């Protein structure tokens, strides 16, 4: 599994930067003759490369792709401010985009691009567009436990009944939206208690790749991940060596969160017109087909394209009634993780 990730420190630094003073965005330059754009991508590197190749073939516009951990890249963009060389930020989770929007570093997305995706998956202010989605899920070792023994709520996994049997990766940017969902649905006190219980009863892993492999090997019985990690593991090992499966928590549970990956044009971009074309490609039929057929195992969101991978259908997931606006920039949950000593 080959997402480039930098652990712990970038997420903590991002939390600190979010409370710092904002910087105003510059007006996007309409340089339609520009033929090279710079994309900072926190998404799956292989899929991003395929999207860039398809975009260049379709438009002739070249792309300099800089892939890395989304927290590190968002941190870099916040530091660079209006001096950033980036034209596009392609993020794994919406809070990273919201952090930049709140600092006025994102330009409005073209209306036609926003219209290609259901409004629920786009920035409420029209400053970024939803590109794909993934669901939180529990991976469990099928020899250590049965699905019938698993609870309907992710909150129960932190209790003493699962002490030493449940793992999580708190420094993953995928974990923070689930934590925010706990706060929005159950309140800040419940969020704080859940983290305290996790710290007492659960096992910490450095990343979701390590966690899903540990569950499959029987090192630990269960773990909280985004669904695609399990599908990527199964692809690598083959069904015969996959001794784990996915469990989806009950309807409306924080552990059933469906999170959005999105893309935005940076306000300082000197190639705004070309950058807008890149966003349009991502949510157009060709870009969405690449996502729907790739080994990222995510759900395409635009242009009516559905995944060809053997995932549970998106319309059969039952996430909590939270909007991308509810998830916000994740500032409070990042602070809670720091207070709990998990960042």
C-alpha atoms as a PDB file:
ATOM      1  CA  UNK A   1       0.000   0.000   0.000  1.00  0.00           C
ATOM      2  CA  UNK A   2       1.669   3.172  -1.082  1.00  0.00           C
ATOM      3  CA  UNK A   3       0.048   6.340   0.103  1.00  0.00           C
ATOM      4  CA  UNK A   4       2.810   8.728   1.165  1.00  0.00           C
ATOM      5  CA  UNK A   5       2.240   9.706   4.781  1.00  0.00           C
ATOM      6  CA  UNK A   6       4.012  11.749   7.410  1.00  0.00           C
ATOM      7  CA  UNK A   7       2.751  10.914  10.885  1.00  0.00           C
ATOM      8  CA  UNK A   8       1.729  12.782  13.995  1.00  0.00           C
ATOM      9  CA  UNK A   9       3.795  15.955  13.763  1.00  0.00           C
ATOM     10  CA  UNK A  10       2.139  17.470  10.652  1.00  0.00           C
ATOM     11  CA  UNK A  11      -1.370  16.948  12.076  1.00  0.00           C
ATOM     12  CA  UNK A  12      -0.356  18.551  15.350  1.00  0.00           C
ATOM     13  CA  UNK A  13       1.300  21.463  13.550  1.00  0.00           C
ATOM     14  CA  UNK A  14      -1.828  21.934  11.454  1.00  0.00           C
ATOM     15  CA  UNK A  15      -3.875  22.144  14.646  1.00  0.00           C
ATOM     16  CA  UNK A  16      -1.583  24.891  15.907  1.00  0.00           C
ATOM     17  CA  UNK A  17      -1.691  26.791  12.627  1.00  0.00           C
ATOM     18  CA  UNK A  18      -5.484  26.774  12.587  1.00  0.00           C
ATOM     19  CA  UNK A  19      -5.582  29.023  15.624  1.00  0.00           C
ATOM     20  CA  UNK A  20      -3.095  31.459  14.107  1.00  0.00           C
ATOM     21  CA  UNK A  21      -4.076  34.624  12.280  1.00  0.00           C
ATOM     22  CA  UNK A  22      -5.527  34.347   8.797  1.00  0.00           C
ATOM     23  CA  UNK A  23      -4.085  35.654   5.584  1.00  0.00           C
ATOM     24  CA  UNK A  24      -6.103  37.115   2.765  1.00  0.00           C
ATOM     25  CA  UNK A  25      -6.296  35.404  -0.600  1.00  0.00           C
ATOM     26  CA  UNK A  26      -5.221  37.058  -3.815  1.00  0.00           C
ATOM     27  CA  UNK A  27      -7.530  37.350  -6.790  1.00  0.00           C
ATOM     28  CA  UNK A  28      -7.022  34.434  -9.175  1.00  0.00           C
ATOM     29  CA  UNK A  29      -5.110  35.306 -12.310  1.00  0.00           C
ATOM     30  CA  UNK A  30      -6.992  34.404 -15.478  1.00  0.00           C
ATOM     31  CA  UNK A  31      -4.022  33.133 -17.491  1.00  0.00           C
ATOM     32  CA  UNK A  32      -5.767  30.985 -20.063  1.00  0.00           C
ATOM     33  CA  UNK A  33      -2.546  30.520 -22.008  1.00  0.00           C
ATOM     34  CA  UNK A  34      -0.840  28.763 -19.085  1.00  0.00           C
ATOM     35  CA  UNK A  35      -0.106  25.149 -19.902  1.00  0.00           C
ATOM     36  CA  UNK A  36       1.347  23.882 -16.603  1.00  0.00           C
ATOM     37  CA  UNK A  37      -0.364  23.751 -13.209  1.00  0.00           C
ATOM     38  CA  UNK A  38       0.949  22.612  -9.845  1.00  0.00           C
ATOM     39  CA  UNK A  39      -1.255  20.222  -7.867  1.00  0.00           C
ATOM     40  CA  UNK A  40      -0.674  19.457  -4.197  1.00  0.00           C
ATOM     41  CA  UNK A  41      -2.313  16.076  -3.671  1.00  0.00           C
ATOM     42  CA  UNK A  42      -3.000  14.267  -0.408  1.00  0.00           C
ATOM     43  CA  UNK A  43      -4.987  11.608  -2.222  1.00  0.00           C
ATOM     44  CA  UNK A  44      -3.897   8.111  -3.299  1.00  0.00           C
ATOM     45  CA  UNK A  45      -0.801   8.699  -5.370  1.00  0.00           C
ATOM     46  CA  UNK A  46      -1.426   6.069  -8.042  1.00  0.00           C
ATOM     47  CA  UNK A  47      -4.962   7.303  -8.715  1.00  0.00           C
ATOM     48  CA  UNK A  48      -3.808  10.925  -8.722  1.00  0.00           C
ATOM     49  CA  UNK A  49      -1.163  10.043 -11.321  1.00  0.00           C
ATOM     50  CA  UNK A  50      -3.801   8.381 -13.497  1.00  0.00           C
ATOM     51  CA  UNK A  51      -6.046  11.431 -13.220  1.00  0.00           C
ATOM     52  CA  UNK A  52      -3.204  13.774 -14.118  1.00  0.00           C
ATOM     53  CA  UNK A  53      -2.262  11.656 -17.144  1.00  0.00           C
ATOM     54  CA  UNK A  54      -5.879  11.588 -18.325  1.00  0.00           C
ATOM     55  CA  UNK A  55      -6.265  15.320 -17.851  1.00  0.00           C
ATOM     56  CA  UNK A  56      -3.093  16.130 -19.783  1.00  0.00           C
ATOM     57  CA  UNK A  57      -4.110  13.805 -22.610  1.00  0.00           C
ATOM     58  CA  UNK A  58      -7.543  15.454 -22.806  1.00  0.00           C
ATOM     59  CA  UNK A  59      -6.470  19.091 -22.516  1.00  0.00           C
ATOM     60  CA  UNK A  60      -2.762  19.357 -23.309  1.00  0.00           C
ATOM     61  CA  UNK A  61      -2.252  21.097 -19.958  1.00  0.00           C
ATOM     62  CA  UNK A  62       0.718  19.714 -18.070  1.00  0.00           C
ATOM     63  CA  UNK A  63       0.627  19.046 -14.339  1.00  0.00           C
ATOM     64  CA  UNK A  64       3.368  19.108 -11.755  1.00  0.00           C
ATOM     65  CA  UNK A  65       2.050  16.689  -9.128  1.00  0.00           C
ATOM     66  CA  UNK A  66       3.319  16.975  -5.570  1.00  0.00           C
ATOM     67  CA  UNK A  67       1.950  14.078  -3.517  1.00  0.00           C
ATOM     68  CA  UNK A  68       2.184  13.786   0.248  1.00  0.00           C
ATOM     69  CA  UNK A  69       0.278  13.567   3.511  1.00  0.00           C
ATOM     70  CA  UNK A  70      -2.689  15.928   3.366  1.00  0.00           C
ATOM     71  CA  UNK A  71      -2.025  17.405   6.818  1.00  0.00           C
ATOM     72  CA  UNK A  72       1.548  18.188   5.829  1.00  0.00           C
ATOM     73  CA  UNK A  73       0.400  19.725   2.540  1.00  0.00           C
ATOM     74  CA  UNK A  74      -2.334  21.790   4.203  1.00  0.00           C
ATOM     75  CA  UNK A  75       0.243  22.962   6.726  1.00  0.00           C
ATOM     76  CA  UNK A  76       2.548  23.936   3.843  1.00  0.00           C
ATOM     77  CA  UNK A  77      -0.238  25.848   2.093  1.00  0.00           C
ATOM     78  CA  UNK A  78      -1.104  27.705   5.282  1.00  0.00           C
ATOM     79  CA  UNK A  79       2.540  28.678   5.687  1.00  0.00           C
ATOM     80  CA  UNK A  80       2.953  29.665   2.032  1.00  0.00           C
ATOM     81  CA  UNK A  81      -0.247  31.734   2.046  1.00  0.00           C
ATOM     82  CA  UNK A  82      -0.597  33.979  -0.992  1.00  0.00           C
ATOM     83  CA  UNK A  83       2.964  33.125  -2.044  1.00  0.00           C
ATOM     84  CA  UNK A  84       2.129  29.463  -2.682  1.00  0.00           C
ATOM     85  CA  UNK A  85       3.100  28.055  -6.086  1.00  0.00           C
ATOM     86  CA  UNK A  86       0.175  25.615  -5.897  1.00  0.00           C
ATOM     87  CA  UNK A  87      -2.771  25.970  -8.242  1.00  0.00           C
ATOM     88  CA  UNK A  88      -4.890  23.081  -6.916  1.00  0.00           C
ATOM     89  CA  UNK A  89      -5.202  21.278  -3.595  1.00  0.00           C
ATOM     90  CA  UNK A  90      -6.628  17.749  -3.874  1.00  0.00           C
ATOM     91  CA  UNK A  91      -7.385  16.587  -0.335  1.00  0.00           C
ATOM     92  CA  UNK A  92      -8.220  13.253   1.227  1.00  0.00           C
ATOM     93  CA  UNK A  93     -10.719  14.721   3.731  1.00  0.00           C
ATOM     94  CA  UNK A  94     -12.884  17.826   3.758  1.00  0.00           C
ATOM     95  CA  UNK A  95     -11.557  19.382   7.018  1.00  0.00           C
ATOM     96  CA  UNK A  96      -8.204  20.120   5.357  1.00  0.00           C
ATOM     97  CA  UNK A  97     -10.032  22.046   2.633  1.00  0.00           C
ATOM     98  CA  UNK A  98     -12.153  23.871   5.163  1.00  0.00           C
ATOM     99  CA  UNK A  99      -9.034  24.938   7.059  1.00  0.00           C
ATOM    100  CA  UNK A 100      -7.803  26.679   3.906  1.00  0.00           C
ATOM    101  CA  UNK A 101     -11.202  28.132   3.060  1.00  0.00           C
ATOM    102  CA  UNK A 102     -11.390  29.779   6.462  1.00  0.00           C
ATOM    103  CA  UNK A 103      -8.090  31.521   5.698  1.00  0.00           C
ATOM    104  CA  UNK A 104      -9.493  32.821   2.372  1.00  0.00           C
ATOM    105  CA  UNK A 105      -7.033  30.752   0.383  1.00  0.00           C
ATOM    106  CA  UNK A 106      -9.555  29.086  -1.962  1.00  0.00           C
ATOM    107  CA  UNK A 107     -11.202  30.539  -5.058  1.00  0.00           C
ATOM    108  CA  UNK A 108     -14.852  29.943  -6.001  1.00  0.00           C
ATOM    109  CA  UNK A 109     -15.313  26.775  -8.057  1.00  0.00           C
ATOM    110  CA  UNK A 110     -16.979  27.148 -11.457  1.00  0.00           C
ATOM    111  CA  UNK A 111     -20.732  26.619 -11.175  1.00  0.00           C
ATOM    112  CA  UNK A 112     -20.807  23.903 -13.852  1.00  0.00           C
ATOM    113  CA  UNK A 113     -18.195  21.917 -11.945  1.00  0.00           C
ATOM    114  CA  UNK A 114     -20.151  22.145  -8.698  1.00  0.00           C
ATOM    115  CA  UNK A 115     -23.297  21.069 -10.527  1.00  0.00           C
ATOM    116  CA  UNK A 116     -21.672  17.793 -11.597  1.00  0.00           C
ATOM    117  CA  UNK A 117     -21.716  16.589  -7.967  1.00  0.00           C
ATOM    118  CA  UNK A 118     -24.674  16.437  -5.537  1.00  0.00           C
ATOM    119  CA  UNK A 119     -24.610  19.610  -3.465  1.00  0.00           C
ATOM    120  CA  UNK A 120     -24.335  17.655  -0.197  1.00  0.00           C
ATOM    121  CA  UNK A 121     -20.780  16.684  -1.153  1.00  0.00           C
ATOM    122  CA  UNK A 122     -19.579  20.174  -2.103  1.00  0.00           C
ATOM    123  CA  UNK A 123     -18.354  23.130  -0.082  1.00  0.00           C
ATOM    124  CA  UNK A 124     -21.423  25.010   1.216  1.00  0.00           C
ATOM    125  CA  UNK A 125     -19.650  28.203   0.123  1.00  0.00           C
ATOM    126  CA  UNK A 126     -18.711  26.797  -3.293  1.00  0.00           C
ATOM    127  CA  UNK A 127     -14.961  26.951  -2.586  1.00  0.00           C
ATOM    128  CA  UNK A 128     -14.194  23.257  -3.225  1.00  0.00           C
ATOM    129  CA  UNK A 129     -15.879  20.380  -5.027  1.00  0.00           C
ATOM    130  CA  UNK A 130     -16.419  16.833  -3.779  1.00  0.00           C
ATOM    131  CA  UNK A 131     -14.608  14.260  -5.914  1.00  0.00           C
ATOM    132  CA  UNK A 132     -14.950  10.904  -4.129  1.00  0.00           C
ATOM    133  CA  UNK A 133     -16.125   9.408  -0.839  1.00  0.00           C
ATOM    134  CA  UNK A 134     -15.181   6.695   1.617  1.00  0.00           C
ATOM    135  CA  UNK A 135     -16.886   5.172   4.651  1.00  0.00           C
ATOM    136  CA  UNK A 136     -15.560   4.543   8.121  1.00  0.00           C
ATOM    137  CA  UNK A 137     -15.835   0.858   9.054  1.00  0.00           C
ATOM    138  CA  UNK A 138     -14.596  -1.734  11.505  1.00  0.00           C
ATOM    139  CA  UNK A 139     -12.219  -4.392  10.232  1.00  0.00           C
ATOM    140  CA  UNK A 140     -12.342  -7.610  12.250  1.00  0.00           C
ATOM    141  CA  UNK A 141     -10.408 -10.841  12.254  1.00  0.00           C
ATOM    142  CA  UNK A 142     -12.846 -13.578  11.284  1.00  0.00           C
ATOM    143  CA  UNK A 143     -11.112 -16.230  13.388  1.00  0.00           C
ATOM    144  CA  UNK A 144     -11.054 -14.048  16.520  1.00  0.00           C
ATOM    145  CA  UNK A 145     -14.663 -12.865  16.462  1.00  0.00           C
ATOM    146  CA  UNK A 146     -17.871 -13.107  14.486  1.00  0.00           C
ATOM    147  CA  UNK A 147     -19.801 -10.186  13.093  1.00  0.00           C
ATOM    148  CA  UNK A 148     -22.732 -11.098  15.344  1.00  0.00           C
ATOM    149  CA  UNK A 149     -20.554 -10.274  18.355  1.00  0.00           C
ATOM    150  CA  UNK A 150     -19.739  -6.779  17.112  1.00  0.00           C
ATOM    151  CA  UNK A 151     -21.661  -3.789  18.470  1.00  0.00           C
ATOM    152  CA  UNK A 152     -23.798  -1.363  16.508  1.00  0.00           C
ATOM    153  CA  UNK A 153     -21.856   1.694  17.688  1.00  0.00           C
ATOM    154  CA  UNK A 154     -18.208   2.639  17.425  1.00  0.00           C
ATOM    155  CA  UNK A 155     -18.526   4.171  20.900  1.00  0.00           C
ATOM    156  CA  UNK A 156     -18.823   0.683  22.391  1.00  0.00           C
ATOM    157  CA  UNK A 157     -15.439  -0.334  20.981  1.00  0.00           C
ATOM    158  CA  UNK A 158     -13.710   1.860  23.573  1.00  0.00           C
ATOM    159  CA  UNK A 159     -15.270   0.017  26.509  1.00  0.00           C
ATOM    160  CA  UNK A 160     -13.657  -2.609  28.770  1.00  0.00           C
ATOM    161  CA  UNK A 161     -15.361  -5.457  26.890  1.00  0.00           C
ATOM    162  CA  UNK A 162     -12.990  -4.759  23.985  1.00  0.00           C
ATOM    163  CA  UNK A 163      -9.920  -3.929  26.062  1.00  0.00           C
ATOM    164  CA  UNK A 164      -6.832  -4.976  24.129  1.00  0.00           C
ATOM    165  CA  UNK A 165      -8.976  -6.148  21.214  1.00  0.00           C
ATOM    166  CA  UNK A 166      -9.582  -2.837  19.414  1.00  0.00           C
ATOM    167  CA  UNK A 167      -7.037  -0.731  17.570  1.00  0.00           C
ATOM    168  CA  UNK A 168      -7.101   2.739  16.058  1.00  0.00           C
ATOM    169  CA  UNK A 169      -4.709   5.239  14.474  1.00  0.00           C
ATOM    170  CA  UNK A 170      -5.320   8.664  16.082  1.00  0.00           C
ATOM    171  CA  UNK A 171      -2.690  10.469  14.005  1.00  0.00           C
ATOM    172  CA  UNK A 172      -4.446   9.510  10.761  1.00  0.00           C
ATOM    173  CA  UNK A 173      -6.376  12.359   9.139  1.00  0.00           C
ATOM    174  CA  UNK A 174      -9.159   9.796   8.536  1.00  0.00           C
ATOM    175  CA  UNK A 175      -9.717   9.474  12.291  1.00  0.00           C
ATOM    176  CA  UNK A 176     -10.344  13.152  13.005  1.00  0.00           C
ATOM    177  CA  UNK A 177     -13.667  13.423  11.067  1.00  0.00           C
ATOM    178  CA  UNK A 178     -15.034  10.427  13.010  1.00  0.00           C
ATOM    179  CA  UNK A 179     -14.054  12.164  16.235  1.00  0.00           C
ATOM    180  CA  UNK A 180     -15.800  15.324  15.064  1.00  0.00           C
ATOM    181  CA  UNK A 181     -18.892  13.245  14.287  1.00  0.00           C
ATOM    182  CA  UNK A 182     -18.883  11.937  17.879  1.00  0.00           C
ATOM    183  CA  UNK A 183     -18.819  15.518  19.172  1.00  0.00           C
ATOM    184  CA  UNK A 184     -21.576  16.696  16.828  1.00  0.00           C
ATOM    185  CA  UNK A 185     -23.882  13.762  17.565  1.00  0.00           C
ATOM    186  CA  UNK A 186     -23.129  13.063  21.233  1.00  0.00           C
ATOM    187  CA  UNK A 187     -21.563  16.251  22.571  1.00  0.00           C
ATOM    188  CA  UNK A 188     -18.086  17.360  23.616  1.00  0.00           C
ATOM    189  CA  UNK A 189     -18.272  15.532  26.958  1.00  0.00           C
ATOM    190  CA  UNK A 190     -18.994  12.247  25.195  1.00  0.00           C
ATOM    191  CA  UNK A 191     -16.141  12.915  22.782  1.00  0.00           C
ATOM    192  CA  UNK A 192     -13.752  13.552  25.672  1.00  0.00           C
ATOM    193  CA  UNK A 193     -14.870  10.415  27.512  1.00  0.00           C
ATOM    194  CA  UNK A 194     -14.586   8.291  24.395  1.00  0.00           C
ATOM    195  CA  UNK A 195     -11.012   9.413  23.891  1.00  0.00           C
ATOM    196  CA  UNK A 196     -10.226   8.717  27.552  1.00  0.00           C
ATOM    197  CA  UNK A 197     -11.700   5.224  27.230  1.00  0.00           C
ATOM    198  CA  UNK A 198      -9.768   4.596  24.032  1.00  0.00           C
ATOM    199  CA  UNK A 199      -6.558   5.622  25.730  1.00  0.00           C
ATOM    200  CA  UNK A 200      -7.274   3.152  28.555  1.00  0.00           C
ATOM    201  CA  UNK A 201      -8.588   0.183  26.594  1.00  0.00           C
ATOM    202  CA  UNK A 202      -7.526   0.393  22.947  1.00  0.00           C
ATOM    203  CA  UNK A 203      -4.210  -0.122  21.156  1.00  0.00           C
ATOM    204  CA  UNK A 204      -2.679   2.713  19.158  1.00  0.00           C
ATOM    205  CA  UNK A 205      -1.257   2.062  15.694  1.00  0.00           C
ATOM    206  CA  UNK A 206       0.857   4.470  13.636  1.00  0.00           C
ATOM    207  CA  UNK A 207      -1.339   4.265  10.544  1.00  0.00           C
ATOM    208  CA  UNK A 208      -4.265   2.441   9.007  1.00  0.00           C
ATOM    209  CA  UNK A 209      -2.080   0.276   6.761  1.00  0.00           C
ATOM    210  CA  UNK A 210      -0.351  -1.169   9.823  1.00  0.00           C
ATOM    211  CA  UNK A 211      -3.658  -1.528  11.642  1.00  0.00           C
ATOM    212  CA  UNK A 212      -5.517  -3.421   8.920  1.00  0.00           C
ATOM    213  CA  UNK A 213      -2.550  -5.775   8.489  1.00  0.00           C
ATOM    214  CA  UNK A 214      -2.440  -6.377  12.257  1.00  0.00           C
ATOM    215  CA  UNK A 215      -6.117  -7.309  12.304  1.00  0.00           C
ATOM    216  CA  UNK A 216      -5.741  -9.623   9.336  1.00  0.00           C
ATOM    217  CA  UNK A 217      -2.766 -11.383  10.946  1.00  0.00           C
ATOM    218  CA  UNK A 218      -4.619 -11.851  14.242  1.00  0.00           C
ATOM    219  CA  UNK A 219      -2.353  -9.530  16.224  1.00  0.00           C
ATOM    220  CA  UNK A 220      -5.510  -7.678  17.285  1.00  0.00           C
ATOM    221  CA  UNK A 221      -9.163  -8.573  16.821  1.00  0.00           C
ATOM    222  CA  UNK A 222     -10.631  -5.348  15.429  1.00  0.00           C
ATOM    223  CA  UNK A 223      -9.714  -1.882  14.202  1.00  0.00           C
ATOM    224  CA  UNK A 224     -11.322   1.340  12.986  1.00  0.00           C
ATOM    225  CA  UNK A 225     -10.351   2.238   9.417  1.00  0.00           C
ATOM    226  CA  UNK A 226     -11.775   3.682   6.238  1.00  0.00           C
ATOM    227  CA  UNK A 227     -13.179   0.888   4.097  1.00  0.00           C
ATOM    228  CA  UNK A 228     -10.687   1.120   1.250  1.00  0.00           C
ATOM    229  CA  UNK A 229      -7.734  -0.019   3.372  1.00  0.00           C
ATOM    230  CA  UNK A 230      -9.298  -3.450   3.683  1.00  0.00           C
ATOM    231  CA  UNK A 231     -10.011  -3.735  -0.039  1.00  0.00           C
ATOM    232  CA  UNK A 232      -6.422  -2.787  -0.846  1.00  0.00           C
ATOM    233  CA  UNK A 233      -5.148  -5.407   1.612  1.00  0.00           C
ATOM    234  CA  UNK A 234      -7.374  -8.039   0.059  1.00  0.00           C
ATOM    235  CA  UNK A 235      -6.076  -7.129  -3.397  1.00  0.00           C
ATOM    236  CA  UNK A 236      -2.481  -7.518  -2.211  1.00  0.00           C
ATOM    237  CA  UNK A 237      -2.922 -10.767  -0.280  1.00  0.00           C
ATOM    238  CA  UNK A 238      -5.647 -12.427  -2.301  1.00  0.00           C
ATOM    239  CA  UNK A 239      -8.893 -13.814  -0.841  1.00  0.00           C
ATOM    240  CA  UNK A 240      -7.245 -17.026   0.417  1.00  0.00           C
ATOM    241  CA  UNK A 241      -4.919 -15.090   2.724  1.00  0.00           C
ATOM    242  CA  UNK A 242      -7.503 -12.561   3.833  1.00  0.00           C
ATOM    243  CA  UNK A 243      -8.716 -13.624   7.270  1.00  0.00           C
ATOM    244  CA  UNK A 244     -10.627 -10.429   7.983  1.00  0.00           C
ATOM    245  CA  UNK A 245     -13.798  -8.662   6.901  1.00  0.00           C
ATOM    246  CA  UNK A 246     -15.578  -5.327   7.232  1.00  0.00           C
ATOM    247  CA  UNK A 247     -18.334  -4.489   9.683  1.00  0.00           C
ATOM    248  CA  UNK A 248     -20.440  -1.361   9.164  1.00  0.00           C
ATOM    249  CA  UNK A 249     -21.845   0.229  12.293  1.00  0.00           C
ATOM    250  CA  UNK A 250     -25.529   0.999  12.706  1.00  0.00           C
ATOM    251  CA  UNK A 251     -27.420   3.689  10.783  1.00  0.00           C
ATOM    252  CA  UNK A 252     -26.560   7.184  11.943  1.00  0.00           C
ATOM    253  CA  UNK A 253     -23.666   6.070  14.148  1.00  0.00           C
ATOM    254  CA  UNK A 254     -20.496   8.222  14.180  1.00  0.00           C
ATOM    255  CA  UNK A 255     -18.617   5.116  13.071  1.00  0.00           C
ATOM    256  CA  UNK A 256     -20.722   5.022   9.897  1.00  0.00           C
ATOM    257  CA  UNK A 257     -19.454   8.405   8.732  1.00  0.00           C
ATOM    258  CA  UNK A 258     -19.084   8.892   4.991  1.00  0.00           C
ATOM    259  CA  UNK A 259     -16.297  11.389   4.410  1.00  0.00           C
ATOM    260  CA  UNK A 260     -15.576  13.386   1.261  1.00  0.00           C
ATOM    261  CA  UNK A 261     -12.361  13.905  -0.671  1.00  0.00           C
ATOM    262  CA  UNK A 262     -12.382  17.138  -2.612  1.00  0.00           C
ATOM    263  CA  UNK A 263     -10.373  19.588  -4.664  1.00  0.00           C
ATOM    264  CA  UNK A 264     -10.036  23.343  -4.797  1.00  0.00           C
ATOM    265  CA  UNK A 265      -8.337  26.066  -6.794  1.00  0.00           C
ATOM    266  CA  UNK A 266      -5.932  28.081  -4.672  1.00  0.00           C
ATOM    267  CA  UNK A 267      -6.691  31.800  -4.575  1.00  0.00           C
ATOM    268  CA  UNK A 268      -3.056  32.756  -5.343  1.00  0.00           C
ATOM    269  CA  UNK A 269      -3.045  30.575  -8.481  1.00  0.00           C
ATOM    270  CA  UNK A 270      -1.481  32.207 -11.516  1.00  0.00           C
ATOM    271  CA  UNK A 271      -3.123  29.606 -13.755  1.00  0.00           C
ATOM    272  CA  UNK A 272      -6.675  29.742 -12.442  1.00  0.00           C
ATOM    273  CA  UNK A 273      -8.427  28.948 -15.716  1.00  0.00           C
ATOM    274  CA  UNK A 274      -6.343  25.815 -16.257  1.00  0.00           C
ATOM    275  CA  UNK A 275      -6.813  24.860 -12.587  1.00  0.00           C
ATOM    276  CA  UNK A 276     -10.577  25.158 -12.970  1.00  0.00           C
ATOM    277  CA  UNK A 277     -10.364  22.825 -15.967  1.00  0.00           C
ATOM    278  CA  UNK A 278      -8.570  20.292 -13.775  1.00  0.00           C
ATOM    279  CA  UNK A 279     -11.393  20.361 -11.215  1.00  0.00           C
ATOM    280  CA  UNK A 280     -13.930  19.960 -14.022  1.00  0.00           C
ATOM    281  CA  UNK A 281     -12.008  16.924 -15.268  1.00  0.00           C
ATOM    282  CA  UNK A 282     -11.927  15.343 -11.810  1.00  0.00           C
ATOM    283  CA  UNK A 283     -15.733  15.389 -11.529  1.00  0.00           C
ATOM    284  CA  UNK A 284     -16.438  14.782 -15.223  1.00  0.00           C
ATOM    285  CA  UNK A 285     -17.202  11.367 -16.660  1.00  0.00           C
ATOM    286  CA  UNK A 286     -13.615  10.529 -17.604  1.00  0.00           C
ATOM    287  CA  UNK A 287     -12.118  11.495 -14.244  1.00  0.00           C
ATOM    288  CA  UNK A 288     -14.863   9.818 -12.264  1.00  0.00           C
ATOM    289  CA  UNK A 289     -14.511   6.628 -14.315  1.00  0.00           C
ATOM    290  CA  UNK A 290     -10.813   6.504 -13.409  1.00  0.00           C
ATOM    291  CA  UNK A 291     -11.774   6.778  -9.734  1.00  0.00           C
ATOM    292  CA  UNK A 292     -14.543   4.211 -10.053  1.00  0.00           C
ATOM    293  CA  UNK A 293     -12.302   1.620 -11.693  1.00  0.00           C
ATOM    294  CA  UNK A 294      -9.030   2.287  -9.844  1.00  0.00           C
ATOM    295  CA  UNK A 295      -7.525   0.506  -6.884  1.00  0.00           C
ATOM    296  CA  UNK A 296      -8.283   3.465  -4.619  1.00  0.00           C
ATOM    297  CA  UNK A 297     -11.581   1.655  -3.890  1.00  0.00           C
ATOM    298  CA  UNK A 298     -13.430   4.925  -3.318  1.00  0.00           C
ATOM    299  CA  UNK A 299     -16.890   6.027  -4.402  1.00  0.00           C
ATOM    300  CA  UNK A 300     -17.011   8.433  -7.366  1.00  0.00           C
ATOM    301  CA  UNK A 301     -19.407  11.309  -6.675  1.00  0.00           C
ATOM    302  CA  UNK A 302     -19.830  13.154  -9.968  1.00  0.00           C
ATOM    303  CA  UNK A 303     -21.409  12.888 -13.400  1.00  0.00           C
ATOM    304  CA  UNK A 304     -23.558   9.874 -12.495  1.00  0.00           C
ATOM    305  CA  UNK A 305     -20.594   7.465 -12.442  1.00  0.00           C
ATOM    306  CA  UNK A 306     -20.703   4.530 -10.023  1.00  0.00           C
ATOM    307  CA  UNK A 307     -17.874   2.278  -8.900  1.00  0.00           C
ATOM    308  CA  UNK A 308     -17.134  -0.964 -10.705  1.00  0.00           C
ATOM    309  CA  UNK A 309     -15.331  -2.314  -7.630  1.00  0.00           C
ATOM    310  CA  UNK A 310     -17.101  -4.813  -5.318  1.00  0.00           C
ATOM    311  CA  UNK A 311     -17.941  -2.254  -2.638  1.00  0.00           C
ATOM    312  CA  UNK A 312     -21.133  -1.969  -0.671  1.00  0.00           C
ATOM    313  CA  UNK A 313     -23.193   0.468  -2.794  1.00  0.00           C
ATOM    314  CA  UNK A 314     -22.976   4.068  -1.645  1.00  0.00           C
ATOM    315  CA  UNK A 315     -26.764   4.315  -1.377  1.00  0.00           C
ATOM    316  CA  UNK A 316     -26.747   1.325   1.003  1.00  0.00           C
ATOM    317  CA  UNK A 317     -24.525   3.090   3.510  1.00  0.00           C
ATOM    318  CA  UNK A 318     -26.333   4.822   6.347  1.00  0.00           C
ATOM    319  CA  UNK A 319     -24.122   7.628   7.637  1.00  0.00           C
ATOM    320  CA  UNK A 320     -25.106  10.120  10.325  1.00  0.00           C
ATOM    321  CA  UNK A 321     -27.016  13.191   9.174  1.00  0.00           C
ATOM    322  CA  UNK A 322     -23.964  15.459   9.171  1.00  0.00           C
ATOM    323  CA  UNK A 323     -22.940  17.805   6.391  1.00  0.00           C
ATOM    324  CA  UNK A 324     -19.428  18.695   5.290  1.00  0.00           C
ATOM    325  CA  UNK A 325     -20.153  22.011   6.975  1.00  0.00           C
ATOM    326  CA  UNK A 326     -20.817  20.184  10.257  1.00  0.00           C
ATOM    327  CA  UNK A 327     -17.415  18.510  10.005  1.00  0.00           C
ATOM    328  CA  UNK A 328     -15.837  21.938   9.522  1.00  0.00           C
ATOM    329  CA  UNK A 329     -12.077  22.322   9.768  1.00  0.00           C
ATOM    330  CA  UNK A 330     -11.763  19.848  12.646  1.00  0.00           C
ATOM    331  CA  UNK A 331     -10.038  22.389  14.889  1.00  0.00           C
ATOM    332  CA  UNK A 332     -11.842  21.406  18.083  1.00  0.00           C
ATOM    333  CA  UNK A 333     -11.237  17.689  17.569  1.00  0.00           C
ATOM    334  CA  UNK A 334      -7.564  18.257  16.843  1.00  0.00           C
ATOM    335  CA  UNK A 335      -7.349  20.211  20.096  1.00  0.00           C
ATOM    336  CA  UNK A 336      -9.117  17.366  21.902  1.00  0.00           C
ATOM    337  CA  UNK A 337      -6.604  14.858  20.530  1.00  0.00           C
ATOM    338  CA  UNK A 338      -3.767  17.051  21.728  1.00  0.00           C
ATOM    339  CA  UNK A 339      -5.318  17.395  25.186  1.00  0.00           C
ATOM    340  CA  UNK A 340      -5.667  13.619  25.376  1.00  0.00           C
ATOM    341  CA  UNK A 341      -1.976  13.222  24.539  1.00  0.00           C
ATOM    342  CA  UNK A 342      -2.736  11.392  21.304  1.00  0.00           C
ATOM    343  CA  UNK A 343      -1.011  13.922  19.016  1.00  0.00           C
END
